[in-house]
Amino acid sequence: VLVGLIFLLAGCASINTEDTARAACPSGLAPRTTVDLYFGRNIGPTPGVSDADWARFVDEEITPRFPAGLSVSEVAGQWRGDDGVIIREPSKAVLIVLSGEDGEHADQSELLPDGGEDHVGVGLGEVEGLLDAVAEAVSNAWGPISHLFGVKSTAEWRAAHDEGQPLVTAFWLELSQSEALCSAYKAIAAREDFAALSPTRQKVVNDALRDFTLSGIGLPPDDKARFKTISMALSEKASRFESQLMDAIEAFGLHITDPEHLRGMPEAAQSRARAKAEAKQLEGWWITLDFPSFDAVITYADDRELRKTLYTAWVTRASDQGPLAGQFDNGALMLDILKLRQQKAE
């Protein structure tokens, strides 16, 4: 098999359990992590893995590791080669729903090449193409949730974001410490024709190897596990930091009754502020710290004191200073994040 690549995504699977009510899945389903395995069927430029060879690989290597079940699909692999030419290769995609048992991640890695001769012939374009497909799949699934978390901070979206964030973090950590992927990049760097690649493409490979090192791939097992634990804690605290920042923005409001204070502001901005006041059953205008409102005041309002009030509220959000001093204070979280970053660097 020329190249295999793993990636993890959140999903729902049919299982019988009394705990499904707590999961954010339809009735009868529960959260599970799914694994996608991609296998090219060429050896060099020509097809080399026959249907019989593939069936034997599934029966002898994949099925014993995941006896609960899996799905196999025919896919059309495509990537841009080192010479810029589009390469197409018949491939197989294997979908596995993990049961959560210990050792399953090791089972996944055992299905991929270990390096050395298995990676001979693997081109940078192949690896980049597979990684691009993985990144696009994650972005399509997670991007809308992350975006709506930032612009529509409702309790429901926060719950969805908080539930998915650990899965996404774990996925990128798994990828950044993938021995198989690192071996593929090392094999590319060791090829005789590596020097013939453009400086840009050589930098892509060298930067990838550097990033693997910075992600702790060479650490002893205990230190590698601690690195992952620290990274997961950092992700959780960063998410909480952002949530408290949004809480602080939503908590601030300034009631304006004199139109002179808004002189210079665009009419559209004044109309939005008037609509916000009406929603609160107030006369006049309601100025907030969401960026369109803040920017309209800071950029266009003639009233210096109004601009000062808004600026002070903006730069002291979620802190122990300003009009909401002590509410949603991120001070302790900032110290925790700095400590964790220091531990991660060490």
C-alpha atoms as a PDB file:
ATOM      1  CA  VAL A   1       0.000   0.000   0.000  1.00  0.00           C
ATOM      2  CA  LEU A   2       1.533   3.302  -1.059  1.00  0.00           C
ATOM      3  CA  VAL A   3       0.167   5.704   1.539  1.00  0.00           C
ATOM      4  CA  GLY A   4      -2.264   5.482   4.445  1.00  0.00           C
ATOM      5  CA  LEU A   5      -3.485   8.379   6.572  1.00  0.00           C
ATOM      6  CA  ILE A   6      -5.667   8.479   9.687  1.00  0.00           C
ATOM      7  CA  PHE A   7      -7.966  11.215  10.858  1.00  0.00           C
ATOM      8  CA  LEU A   8     -10.530  11.377  13.653  1.00  0.00           C
ATOM      9  CA  LEU A   9     -13.951  13.012  13.643  1.00  0.00           C
ATOM     10  CA  ALA A  10     -16.846  13.107  16.053  1.00  0.00           C
ATOM     11  CA  GLY A  11     -19.947  11.189  15.124  1.00  0.00           C
ATOM     12  CA  CYS A  12     -22.891   9.212  16.407  1.00  0.00           C
ATOM     13  CA  ALA A  13     -23.242   5.434  16.379  1.00  0.00           C
ATOM     14  CA  SER A  14     -26.054   3.040  17.171  1.00  0.00           C
ATOM     15  CA  ILE A  15     -25.453   1.404  20.539  1.00  0.00           C
ATOM     16  CA  ASN A  16     -27.602   0.175  23.397  1.00  0.00           C
ATOM     17  CA  THR A  17     -26.928   2.217  26.506  1.00  0.00           C
ATOM     18  CA  GLU A  18     -28.872   3.975  29.229  1.00  0.00           C
ATOM     19  CA  ASP A  19     -26.652   7.025  28.896  1.00  0.00           C
ATOM     20  CA  THR A  20     -27.734   8.064  25.392  1.00  0.00           C
ATOM     21  CA  ALA A  21     -30.132  10.640  26.806  1.00  0.00           C
ATOM     22  CA  ARG A  22     -27.221  12.737  27.910  1.00  0.00           C
ATOM     23  CA  ALA A  23     -25.645  12.817  24.458  1.00  0.00           C
ATOM     24  CA  ALA A  24     -26.312  15.486  21.848  1.00  0.00           C
ATOM     25  CA  CYS A  25     -27.406  12.842  19.337  1.00  0.00           C
ATOM     26  CA  PRO A  26     -30.782  11.583  18.104  1.00  0.00           C
ATOM     27  CA  SER A  27     -32.624   9.026  20.181  1.00  0.00           C
ATOM     28  CA  GLY A  28     -30.952   5.615  20.130  1.00  0.00           C
ATOM     29  CA  LEU A  29     -27.543   7.038  19.178  1.00  0.00           C
ATOM     30  CA  ALA A  30     -24.555   8.043  21.284  1.00  0.00           C
ATOM     31  CA  PRO A  31     -21.322  10.035  20.678  1.00  0.00           C
ATOM     32  CA  ARG A  32     -18.485   8.030  19.182  1.00  0.00           C
ATOM     33  CA  THR A  33     -15.155   8.840  17.570  1.00  0.00           C
ATOM     34  CA  THR A  34     -14.787   7.673  13.986  1.00  0.00           C
ATOM     35  CA  VAL A  35     -11.538   6.947  12.175  1.00  0.00           C
ATOM     36  CA  ASP A  36     -11.042   7.342   8.445  1.00  0.00           C
ATOM     37  CA  LEU A  37      -8.173   5.357   6.909  1.00  0.00           C
ATOM     38  CA  TYR A  38      -7.111   6.126   3.338  1.00  0.00           C
ATOM     39  CA  PHE A  39      -5.020   3.648   1.335  1.00  0.00           C
ATOM     40  CA  GLY A  40      -3.594   4.250  -2.126  1.00  0.00           C
ATOM     41  CA  ARG A  41      -3.423   1.137  -4.327  1.00  0.00           C
ATOM     42  CA  ASN A  42      -0.486   2.048  -6.556  1.00  0.00           C
ATOM     43  CA  ILE A  43       3.115   0.961  -6.133  1.00  0.00           C
ATOM     44  CA  GLY A  44       5.139   3.624  -7.888  1.00  0.00           C
ATOM     45  CA  PRO A  45       3.353   4.820 -11.038  1.00  0.00           C
ATOM     46  CA  THR A  46       1.418   1.608 -11.711  1.00  0.00           C
ATOM     47  CA  PRO A  47      -1.392  -0.260  -9.951  1.00  0.00           C
ATOM     48  CA  GLY A  48       0.090  -2.844  -7.645  1.00  0.00           C
ATOM     49  CA  VAL A  49      -2.466  -3.813  -4.996  1.00  0.00           C
ATOM     50  CA  SER A  50      -4.953  -6.259  -6.459  1.00  0.00           C
ATOM     51  CA  ASP A  51      -8.467  -6.878  -5.188  1.00  0.00           C
ATOM     52  CA  ALA A  52      -7.284 -10.168  -3.726  1.00  0.00           C
ATOM     53  CA  ASP A  53      -4.360  -8.487  -1.944  1.00  0.00           C
ATOM     54  CA  TRP A  54      -6.682  -5.828  -0.559  1.00  0.00           C
ATOM     55  CA  ALA A  55      -9.241  -8.384   0.630  1.00  0.00           C
ATOM     56  CA  ARG A  56      -6.469 -10.328   2.364  1.00  0.00           C
ATOM     57  CA  PHE A  57      -5.232  -7.121   4.038  1.00  0.00           C
ATOM     58  CA  VAL A  58      -8.740  -6.356   5.309  1.00  0.00           C
ATOM     59  CA  ASP A  59      -9.266  -9.903   6.571  1.00  0.00           C
ATOM     60  CA  GLU A  60      -5.862 -10.372   8.178  1.00  0.00           C
ATOM     61  CA  GLU A  61      -4.895  -6.881   9.365  1.00  0.00           C
ATOM     62  CA  ILE A  62      -7.930  -4.612   9.800  1.00  0.00           C
ATOM     63  CA  THR A  63     -10.764  -6.935  10.851  1.00  0.00           C
ATOM     64  CA  PRO A  64      -8.890  -8.612  13.749  1.00  0.00           C
ATOM     65  CA  ARG A  65      -8.118  -5.202  15.217  1.00  0.00           C
ATOM     66  CA  PHE A  66     -11.662  -3.884  14.824  1.00  0.00           C
ATOM     67  CA  PRO A  67     -14.004  -6.900  14.934  1.00  0.00           C
ATOM     68  CA  ALA A  68     -17.031  -4.785  15.888  1.00  0.00           C
ATOM     69  CA  GLY A  69     -17.384  -3.599  12.305  1.00  0.00           C
ATOM     70  CA  LEU A  70     -16.136  -1.263   9.591  1.00  0.00           C
ATOM     71  CA  SER A  71     -17.064   0.109   6.166  1.00  0.00           C
ATOM     72  CA  VAL A  72     -14.884   0.052   3.043  1.00  0.00           C
ATOM     73  CA  SER A  73     -15.435   2.390   0.072  1.00  0.00           C
ATOM     74  CA  GLU A  74     -13.836   2.927  -3.315  1.00  0.00           C
ATOM     75  CA  VAL A  75     -12.522   6.491  -3.620  1.00  0.00           C
ATOM     76  CA  ALA A  76     -10.642   8.431  -6.278  1.00  0.00           C
ATOM     77  CA  GLY A  77      -7.431   9.813  -4.789  1.00  0.00           C
ATOM     78  CA  GLN A  78      -5.991  12.972  -6.313  1.00  0.00           C
ATOM     79  CA  TRP A  79      -3.113  15.301  -5.439  1.00  0.00           C
ATOM     80  CA  ARG A  80      -0.572  17.589  -7.066  1.00  0.00           C
ATOM     81  CA  GLY A  81       2.829  15.979  -7.548  1.00  0.00           C
ATOM     82  CA  ASP A  82       6.220  17.553  -6.923  1.00  0.00           C
ATOM     83  CA  ASP A  83       6.387  18.576 -10.588  1.00  0.00           C
ATOM     84  CA  GLY A  84       3.016  20.328 -10.390  1.00  0.00           C
ATOM     85  CA  VAL A  85       1.166  17.629 -12.356  1.00  0.00           C
ATOM     86  CA  ILE A  86      -2.129  16.304 -10.970  1.00  0.00           C
ATOM     87  CA  ILE A  87      -1.785  12.632 -10.001  1.00  0.00           C
ATOM     88  CA  ARG A  88      -4.814  10.372  -9.683  1.00  0.00           C
ATOM     89  CA  GLU A  89      -4.819   7.021  -7.931  1.00  0.00           C
ATOM     90  CA  PRO A  90      -7.529   4.450  -7.187  1.00  0.00           C
ATOM     91  CA  SER A  91      -7.793   4.259  -3.405  1.00  0.00           C
ATOM     92  CA  LYS A  92      -9.695   2.675  -0.555  1.00  0.00           C
ATOM     93  CA  ALA A  93     -11.337   4.474   2.363  1.00  0.00           C
ATOM     94  CA  VAL A  94     -12.023   2.524   5.565  1.00  0.00           C
ATOM     95  CA  LEU A  95     -14.429   3.970   8.127  1.00  0.00           C
ATOM     96  CA  ILE A  96     -14.202   2.602  11.690  1.00  0.00           C
ATOM     97  CA  VAL A  97     -16.338   3.604  14.675  1.00  0.00           C
ATOM     98  CA  LEU A  98     -14.244   3.265  17.819  1.00  0.00           C
ATOM     99  CA  SER A  99     -15.727   1.584  20.869  1.00  0.00           C
ATOM    100  CA  GLY A 100     -13.550   3.552  23.288  1.00  0.00           C
ATOM    101  CA  GLU A 101     -11.508   0.532  24.398  1.00  0.00           C
ATOM    102  CA  ASP A 102      -7.855   0.978  25.339  1.00  0.00           C
ATOM    103  CA  GLY A 103      -5.342   0.265  22.602  1.00  0.00           C
ATOM    104  CA  GLU A 104      -7.504   1.225  19.638  1.00  0.00           C
ATOM    105  CA  HIS A 105      -5.283   4.172  18.683  1.00  0.00           C
ATOM    106  CA  ALA A 106      -2.279   1.856  18.685  1.00  0.00           C
ATOM    107  CA  ASP A 107      -4.236  -0.520  16.452  1.00  0.00           C
ATOM    108  CA  GLN A 108      -4.797   2.296  13.968  1.00  0.00           C
ATOM    109  CA  SER A 109      -1.107   3.203  13.831  1.00  0.00           C
ATOM    110  CA  GLU A 110      -0.135  -0.437  13.259  1.00  0.00           C
ATOM    111  CA  LEU A 111      -2.094  -0.382   9.995  1.00  0.00           C
ATOM    112  CA  LEU A 112       0.099   2.380   8.572  1.00  0.00           C
ATOM    113  CA  PRO A 113       3.673   2.051   7.249  1.00  0.00           C
ATOM    114  CA  ASP A 114       6.434   2.289   9.846  1.00  0.00           C
ATOM    115  CA  GLY A 115       8.913   4.127   7.650  1.00  0.00           C
ATOM    116  CA  GLY A 116      12.001   3.037   5.746  1.00  0.00           C
ATOM    117  CA  GLU A 117      11.307   1.012   2.606  1.00  0.00           C
ATOM    118  CA  ASP A 118       7.522   1.340   2.959  1.00  0.00           C
ATOM    119  CA  HIS A 119       7.817   5.051   2.245  1.00  0.00           C
ATOM    120  CA  VAL A 120      10.045   4.830  -0.812  1.00  0.00           C
ATOM    121  CA  GLY A 121       8.251   6.527  -3.677  1.00  0.00           C
ATOM    122  CA  VAL A 122       5.952   8.602  -1.490  1.00  0.00           C
ATOM    123  CA  GLY A 123       5.920  12.109  -2.966  1.00  0.00           C
ATOM    124  CA  LEU A 124       5.359  15.394  -1.184  1.00  0.00           C
ATOM    125  CA  GLY A 125       2.309  16.023  -3.365  1.00  0.00           C
ATOM    126  CA  GLU A 126       0.717  12.794  -2.167  1.00  0.00           C
ATOM    127  CA  VAL A 127       1.174  13.649   1.492  1.00  0.00           C
ATOM    128  CA  GLU A 128       0.030  17.232   0.995  1.00  0.00           C
ATOM    129  CA  GLY A 129      -3.028  16.068  -0.936  1.00  0.00           C
ATOM    130  CA  LEU A 130      -4.100  13.707   1.833  1.00  0.00           C
ATOM    131  CA  LEU A 131      -3.493  16.311   4.545  1.00  0.00           C
ATOM    132  CA  ASP A 132      -5.445  18.911   2.583  1.00  0.00           C
ATOM    133  CA  ALA A 133      -8.379  16.501   2.346  1.00  0.00           C
ATOM    134  CA  VAL A 134      -8.243  15.868   6.085  1.00  0.00           C
ATOM    135  CA  ALA A 135      -7.994  19.561   6.959  1.00  0.00           C
ATOM    136  CA  GLU A 136     -10.893  20.392   4.640  1.00  0.00           C
ATOM    137  CA  ALA A 137     -13.091  17.707   6.202  1.00  0.00           C
ATOM    138  CA  VAL A 138     -12.395  18.995   9.713  1.00  0.00           C
ATOM    139  CA  SER A 139     -12.868  22.605   8.628  1.00  0.00           C
ATOM    140  CA  ASN A 140     -16.205  21.823   6.979  1.00  0.00           C
ATOM    141  CA  ALA A 141     -17.439  20.098  10.130  1.00  0.00           C
ATOM    142  CA  TRP A 142     -15.969  22.348  12.796  1.00  0.00           C
ATOM    143  CA  GLY A 143     -15.660  25.728  11.055  1.00  0.00           C
ATOM    144  CA  PRO A 144     -19.377  26.679  11.215  1.00  0.00           C
ATOM    145  CA  ILE A 145     -19.602  25.691  14.891  1.00  0.00           C
ATOM    146  CA  SER A 146     -16.491  27.689  15.766  1.00  0.00           C
ATOM    147  CA  HIS A 147     -17.711  30.695  13.780  1.00  0.00           C
ATOM    148  CA  LEU A 148     -21.177  30.697  15.328  1.00  0.00           C
ATOM    149  CA  PHE A 149     -19.609  30.314  18.767  1.00  0.00           C
ATOM    150  CA  GLY A 150     -17.840  33.618  18.134  1.00  0.00           C
ATOM    151  CA  VAL A 151     -20.710  35.591  16.574  1.00  0.00           C
ATOM    152  CA  LYS A 152     -23.833  34.061  18.128  1.00  0.00           C
ATOM    153  CA  SER A 153     -23.036  33.321  21.729  1.00  0.00           C
ATOM    154  CA  THR A 154     -26.132  31.406  22.807  1.00  0.00           C
ATOM    155  CA  ALA A 155     -26.161  28.706  25.456  1.00  0.00           C
ATOM    156  CA  GLU A 156     -26.856  26.083  22.793  1.00  0.00           C
ATOM    157  CA  TRP A 157     -23.937  27.068  20.590  1.00  0.00           C
ATOM    158  CA  ARG A 158     -21.608  27.252  23.567  1.00  0.00           C
ATOM    159  CA  ALA A 159     -22.634  23.751  24.620  1.00  0.00           C
ATOM    160  CA  ALA A 160     -22.010  22.453  21.088  1.00  0.00           C
ATOM    161  CA  HIS A 161     -18.636  24.198  20.955  1.00  0.00           C
ATOM    162  CA  ASP A 162     -17.550  23.000  24.404  1.00  0.00           C
ATOM    163  CA  GLU A 163     -18.514  19.435  23.537  1.00  0.00           C
ATOM    164  CA  GLY A 164     -16.647  19.417  20.230  1.00  0.00           C
ATOM    165  CA  GLN A 165     -13.534  21.407  21.153  1.00  0.00           C
ATOM    166  CA  PRO A 166     -11.783  18.523  23.009  1.00  0.00           C
ATOM    167  CA  LEU A 167     -12.395  16.211  20.038  1.00  0.00           C
ATOM    168  CA  VAL A 168     -10.904  18.687  17.574  1.00  0.00           C
ATOM    169  CA  THR A 169      -7.923  19.358  19.845  1.00  0.00           C
ATOM    170  CA  ALA A 170      -7.343  15.625  20.291  1.00  0.00           C
ATOM    171  CA  PHE A 171      -7.497  15.145  16.510  1.00  0.00           C
ATOM    172  CA  TRP A 172      -4.817  17.754  15.772  1.00  0.00           C
ATOM    173  CA  LEU A 173      -2.656  16.396  18.596  1.00  0.00           C
ATOM    174  CA  GLU A 174      -2.983  12.891  17.164  1.00  0.00           C
ATOM    175  CA  LEU A 175      -1.962  14.161  13.743  1.00  0.00           C
ATOM    176  CA  SER A 176       0.942  16.226  15.076  1.00  0.00           C
ATOM    177  CA  GLN A 177       2.373  13.153  16.828  1.00  0.00           C
ATOM    178  CA  SER A 178       1.704  10.653  14.037  1.00  0.00           C
ATOM    179  CA  GLU A 179       4.777   8.427  13.686  1.00  0.00           C
ATOM    180  CA  ALA A 180       3.622   7.260  10.245  1.00  0.00           C
ATOM    181  CA  LEU A 181       3.201  10.787   8.907  1.00  0.00           C
ATOM    182  CA  CYS A 182       6.510  11.935  10.386  1.00  0.00           C
ATOM    183  CA  SER A 183       8.232   8.920   8.806  1.00  0.00           C
ATOM    184  CA  ALA A 184       6.751   9.844   5.436  1.00  0.00           C
ATOM    185  CA  TYR A 185       8.201  13.366   5.654  1.00  0.00           C
ATOM    186  CA  LYS A 186      11.574  11.975   6.777  1.00  0.00           C
ATOM    187  CA  ALA A 187      11.590   9.612   3.798  1.00  0.00           C
ATOM    188  CA  ILE A 188      10.883  12.517   1.448  1.00  0.00           C
ATOM    189  CA  ALA A 189      13.725  14.549   2.985  1.00  0.00           C
ATOM    190  CA  ALA A 190      16.082  11.585   2.600  1.00  0.00           C
ATOM    191  CA  ARG A 191      15.350  11.007  -1.085  1.00  0.00           C
ATOM    192  CA  GLU A 192      18.161  11.605  -3.550  1.00  0.00           C
ATOM    193  CA  ASP A 193      16.021  14.031  -5.550  1.00  0.00           C
ATOM    194  CA  PHE A 194      15.031  16.120  -2.490  1.00  0.00           C
ATOM    195  CA  ALA A 195      17.597  18.788  -3.390  1.00  0.00           C
ATOM    196  CA  ALA A 196      15.947  19.120  -6.800  1.00  0.00           C
ATOM    197  CA  LEU A 197      12.725  20.346  -5.229  1.00  0.00           C
ATOM    198  CA  SER A 198      12.106  24.079  -5.190  1.00  0.00           C
ATOM    199  CA  PRO A 199      13.256  25.962  -2.057  1.00  0.00           C
ATOM    200  CA  THR A 200       9.608  26.501  -1.166  1.00  0.00           C
ATOM    201  CA  ARG A 201       8.767  22.807  -1.224  1.00  0.00           C
ATOM    202  CA  GLN A 202      11.924  21.910   0.677  1.00  0.00           C
ATOM    203  CA  LYS A 203      10.856  24.409   3.319  1.00  0.00           C
ATOM    204  CA  VAL A 204       7.442  22.745   3.544  1.00  0.00           C
ATOM    205  CA  VAL A 205       9.116  19.435   4.398  1.00  0.00           C
ATOM    206  CA  ASN A 206      11.663  20.934   6.790  1.00  0.00           C
ATOM    207  CA  ASP A 207       9.003  22.982   8.570  1.00  0.00           C
ATOM    208  CA  ALA A 208       6.821  19.895   8.913  1.00  0.00           C
ATOM    209  CA  LEU A 209       9.677  17.965  10.521  1.00  0.00           C
ATOM    210  CA  ARG A 210      10.343  20.907  12.825  1.00  0.00           C
ATOM    211  CA  ASP A 211       6.674  21.000  13.826  1.00  0.00           C
ATOM    212  CA  PHE A 212       6.703  17.283  14.616  1.00  0.00           C
ATOM    213  CA  THR A 213       9.633  17.896  16.944  1.00  0.00           C
ATOM    214  CA  LEU A 214       7.894  20.838  18.615  1.00  0.00           C
ATOM    215  CA  SER A 215       4.789  18.667  19.045  1.00  0.00           C
ATOM    216  CA  GLY A 216       6.756  16.235  21.188  1.00  0.00           C
ATOM    217  CA  ILE A 217       6.955  13.325  18.756  1.00  0.00           C
ATOM    218  CA  GLY A 218      10.437  12.411  19.973  1.00  0.00           C
ATOM    219  CA  LEU A 219       9.580  12.475  23.674  1.00  0.00           C
ATOM    220  CA  PRO A 220       9.565   9.353  25.852  1.00  0.00           C
ATOM    221  CA  PRO A 221       6.055   7.854  26.226  1.00  0.00           C
ATOM    222  CA  ASP A 222       5.421   9.366  29.682  1.00  0.00           C
ATOM    223  CA  ASP A 223       6.504  12.847  28.574  1.00  0.00           C
ATOM    224  CA  LYS A 224       4.506  12.535  25.361  1.00  0.00           C
ATOM    225  CA  ALA A 225       1.383  11.692  27.373  1.00  0.00           C
ATOM    226  CA  ARG A 226       2.033  14.676  29.656  1.00  0.00           C
ATOM    227  CA  PHE A 227       2.466  16.902  26.575  1.00  0.00           C
ATOM    228  CA  LYS A 228      -0.968  15.822  25.349  1.00  0.00           C
ATOM    229  CA  THR A 229      -2.512  16.408  28.775  1.00  0.00           C
ATOM    230  CA  ILE A 230      -1.080  19.927  28.914  1.00  0.00           C
ATOM    231  CA  SER A 231      -2.288  20.663  25.374  1.00  0.00           C
ATOM    232  CA  MET A 232      -5.817  19.520  26.204  1.00  0.00           C
ATOM    233  CA  ALA A 233      -5.827  21.660  29.381  1.00  0.00           C
ATOM    234  CA  LEU A 234      -4.633  24.668  27.370  1.00  0.00           C
ATOM    235  CA  SER A 235      -7.447  24.185  24.868  1.00  0.00           C
ATOM    236  CA  GLU A 236     -10.065  24.029  27.638  1.00  0.00           C
ATOM    237  CA  LYS A 237      -8.755  27.148  29.369  1.00  0.00           C
ATOM    238  CA  ALA A 238      -8.479  29.080  26.106  1.00  0.00           C
ATOM    239  CA  SER A 239     -12.113  28.213  25.337  1.00  0.00           C
ATOM    240  CA  ARG A 240     -13.175  29.368  28.805  1.00  0.00           C
ATOM    241  CA  PHE A 241     -11.154  32.582  28.348  1.00  0.00           C
ATOM    242  CA  GLU A 242     -13.036  33.340  25.139  1.00  0.00           C
ATOM    243  CA  SER A 243     -16.398  32.549  26.725  1.00  0.00           C
ATOM    244  CA  GLN A 244     -15.792  34.957  29.605  1.00  0.00           C
ATOM    245  CA  LEU A 245     -14.639  37.613  27.153  1.00  0.00           C
ATOM    246  CA  MET A 246     -17.925  37.257  25.261  1.00  0.00           C
ATOM    247  CA  ASP A 247     -19.849  37.382  28.549  1.00  0.00           C
ATOM    248  CA  ALA A 248     -18.147  40.672  29.381  1.00  0.00           C
ATOM    249  CA  ILE A 249     -19.007  42.122  25.974  1.00  0.00           C
ATOM    250  CA  GLU A 250     -22.657  41.112  26.308  1.00  0.00           C
ATOM    251  CA  ALA A 251     -22.907  42.446  29.876  1.00  0.00           C
ATOM    252  CA  PHE A 252     -21.902  46.016  29.000  1.00  0.00           C
ATOM    253  CA  GLY A 253     -24.434  48.541  27.767  1.00  0.00           C
ATOM    254  CA  LEU A 254     -24.657  52.335  27.753  1.00  0.00           C
ATOM    255  CA  HIS A 255     -28.049  54.062  27.604  1.00  0.00           C
ATOM    256  CA  ILE A 256     -27.959  57.323  25.608  1.00  0.00           C
ATOM    257  CA  THR A 257     -30.923  59.707  25.609  1.00  0.00           C
ATOM    258  CA  ASP A 258     -29.350  62.858  24.168  1.00  0.00           C
ATOM    259  CA  PRO A 259     -28.847  62.627  20.376  1.00  0.00           C
ATOM    260  CA  GLU A 260     -26.017  65.183  20.612  1.00  0.00           C
ATOM    261  CA  HIS A 261     -23.794  62.485  22.129  1.00  0.00           C
ATOM    262  CA  LEU A 262     -24.131  60.492  18.905  1.00  0.00           C
ATOM    263  CA  ARG A 263     -23.379  63.350  16.525  1.00  0.00           C
ATOM    264  CA  GLY A 264     -21.003  62.175  13.765  1.00  0.00           C
ATOM    265  CA  MET A 265     -22.040  58.521  13.918  1.00  0.00           C
ATOM    266  CA  PRO A 266     -23.412  57.019  10.680  1.00  0.00           C
ATOM    267  CA  GLU A 267     -27.191  56.848  10.527  1.00  0.00           C
ATOM    268  CA  ALA A 268     -27.092  53.075  10.101  1.00  0.00           C
ATOM    269  CA  ALA A 269     -25.161  52.711  13.363  1.00  0.00           C
ATOM    270  CA  GLN A 270     -27.585  55.018  15.159  1.00  0.00           C
ATOM    271  CA  SER A 271     -30.511  52.986  13.829  1.00  0.00           C
ATOM    272  CA  ARG A 272     -28.996  49.773  15.193  1.00  0.00           C
ATOM    273  CA  ALA A 273     -28.449  51.423  18.586  1.00  0.00           C
ATOM    274  CA  ARG A 274     -32.062  52.662  18.563  1.00  0.00           C
ATOM    275  CA  ALA A 275     -33.328  49.161  17.769  1.00  0.00           C
ATOM    276  CA  LYS A 276     -31.343  47.737  20.673  1.00  0.00           C
ATOM    277  CA  ALA A 277     -32.917  50.280  23.025  1.00  0.00           C
ATOM    278  CA  GLU A 278     -36.399  49.466  21.743  1.00  0.00           C
ATOM    279  CA  ALA A 279     -35.728  45.764  22.354  1.00  0.00           C
ATOM    280  CA  LYS A 280     -35.082  46.688  25.980  1.00  0.00           C
ATOM    281  CA  GLN A 281     -38.178  48.923  26.017  1.00  0.00           C
ATOM    282  CA  LEU A 282     -36.048  52.019  26.479  1.00  0.00           C
ATOM    283  CA  GLU A 283     -36.195  55.439  24.867  1.00  0.00           C
ATOM    284  CA  GLY A 284     -33.136  56.645  22.966  1.00  0.00           C
ATOM    285  CA  TRP A 285     -30.167  54.471  22.038  1.00  0.00           C
ATOM    286  CA  TRP A 286     -28.308  51.483  23.531  1.00  0.00           C
ATOM    287  CA  ILE A 287     -24.557  51.366  22.866  1.00  0.00           C
ATOM    288  CA  THR A 288     -22.785  48.027  23.294  1.00  0.00           C
ATOM    289  CA  LEU A 289     -19.298  46.556  22.957  1.00  0.00           C
ATOM    290  CA  ASP A 290     -20.003  44.278  19.996  1.00  0.00           C
ATOM    291  CA  PHE A 291     -17.547  45.474  17.375  1.00  0.00           C
ATOM    292  CA  PRO A 292     -19.935  47.189  14.897  1.00  0.00           C
ATOM    293  CA  SER A 293     -21.328  49.309  17.740  1.00  0.00           C
ATOM    294  CA  PHE A 294     -17.923  49.972  19.329  1.00  0.00           C
ATOM    295  CA  ASP A 295     -16.250  50.816  16.027  1.00  0.00           C
ATOM    296  CA  ALA A 296     -19.000  53.256  15.011  1.00  0.00           C
ATOM    297  CA  VAL A 297     -18.517  55.233  18.226  1.00  0.00           C
ATOM    298  CA  ILE A 298     -14.715  55.152  18.319  1.00  0.00           C
ATOM    299  CA  THR A 299     -14.330  56.017  14.635  1.00  0.00           C
ATOM    300  CA  TYR A 300     -17.092  58.550  14.027  1.00  0.00           C
ATOM    301  CA  ALA A 301     -18.636  59.973  17.215  1.00  0.00           C
ATOM    302  CA  ASP A 302     -17.692  63.596  17.936  1.00  0.00           C
ATOM    303  CA  ASP A 303     -18.272  63.233  21.689  1.00  0.00           C
ATOM    304  CA  ARG A 304     -14.817  62.760  23.231  1.00  0.00           C
ATOM    305  CA  GLU A 305     -16.177  61.570  26.588  1.00  0.00           C
ATOM    306  CA  LEU A 306     -18.358  58.948  24.908  1.00  0.00           C
ATOM    307  CA  ARG A 307     -15.374  57.651  22.964  1.00  0.00           C
ATOM    308  CA  LYS A 308     -13.333  57.541  26.187  1.00  0.00           C
ATOM    309  CA  THR A 309     -16.055  55.613  28.013  1.00  0.00           C
ATOM    310  CA  LEU A 310     -16.347  53.034  25.247  1.00  0.00           C
ATOM    311  CA  TYR A 311     -12.582  52.704  24.855  1.00  0.00           C
ATOM    312  CA  THR A 312     -12.094  52.152  28.593  1.00  0.00           C
ATOM    313  CA  ALA A 313     -14.796  49.494  28.640  1.00  0.00           C
ATOM    314  CA  TRP A 314     -13.265  47.805  25.580  1.00  0.00           C
ATOM    315  CA  VAL A 315      -9.672  47.581  26.820  1.00  0.00           C
ATOM    316  CA  THR A 316     -10.716  46.389  30.299  1.00  0.00           C
ATOM    317  CA  ARG A 317     -13.075  43.613  29.166  1.00  0.00           C
ATOM    318  CA  ALA A 318     -13.041  40.520  31.390  1.00  0.00           C
ATOM    319  CA  SER A 319     -10.527  42.008  33.828  1.00  0.00           C
ATOM    320  CA  ASP A 320     -10.311  43.483  37.331  1.00  0.00           C
ATOM    321  CA  GLN A 321     -10.479  47.013  35.889  1.00  0.00           C
ATOM    322  CA  GLY A 322     -13.071  49.212  34.177  1.00  0.00           C
ATOM    323  CA  PRO A 323     -16.867  49.486  34.457  1.00  0.00           C
ATOM    324  CA  LEU A 324     -17.332  45.717  34.961  1.00  0.00           C
ATOM    325  CA  ALA A 325     -14.303  45.270  37.233  1.00  0.00           C
ATOM    326  CA  GLY A 326     -14.120  41.780  38.708  1.00  0.00           C
ATOM    327  CA  GLN A 327     -16.948  40.356  36.607  1.00  0.00           C
ATOM    328  CA  PHE A 328     -15.860  37.608  34.203  1.00  0.00           C
ATOM    329  CA  ASP A 329     -12.257  38.322  35.274  1.00  0.00           C
ATOM    330  CA  ASN A 330      -9.800  36.378  33.116  1.00  0.00           C
ATOM    331  CA  GLY A 331      -6.794  37.281  35.256  1.00  0.00           C
ATOM    332  CA  ALA A 332      -6.436  33.888  36.943  1.00  0.00           C
ATOM    333  CA  LEU A 333      -7.021  32.099  33.629  1.00  0.00           C
ATOM    334  CA  MET A 334      -4.249  34.124  31.994  1.00  0.00           C
ATOM    335  CA  LEU A 335      -1.811  33.016  34.689  1.00  0.00           C
ATOM    336  CA  ASP A 336      -2.888  29.387  34.286  1.00  0.00           C
ATOM    337  CA  ILE A 337      -2.440  29.598  30.516  1.00  0.00           C
ATOM    338  CA  LEU A 338       1.035  31.108  30.862  1.00  0.00           C
ATOM    339  CA  LYS A 339       2.060  28.394  33.337  1.00  0.00           C
ATOM    340  CA  LEU A 340       0.805  25.646  31.029  1.00  0.00           C
ATOM    341  CA  ARG A 341       2.609  27.189  28.050  1.00  0.00           C
ATOM    342  CA  GLN A 342       5.811  27.257  30.090  1.00  0.00           C
ATOM    343  CA  GLN A 343       5.355  23.593  31.050  1.00  0.00           C
ATOM    344  CA  LYS A 344       4.667  22.711  27.420  1.00  0.00           C
ATOM    345  CA  ALA A 345       7.819  24.504  26.273  1.00  0.00           C
ATOM    346  CA  GLU A 346       9.926  22.732  28.890  1.00  0.00           C
END
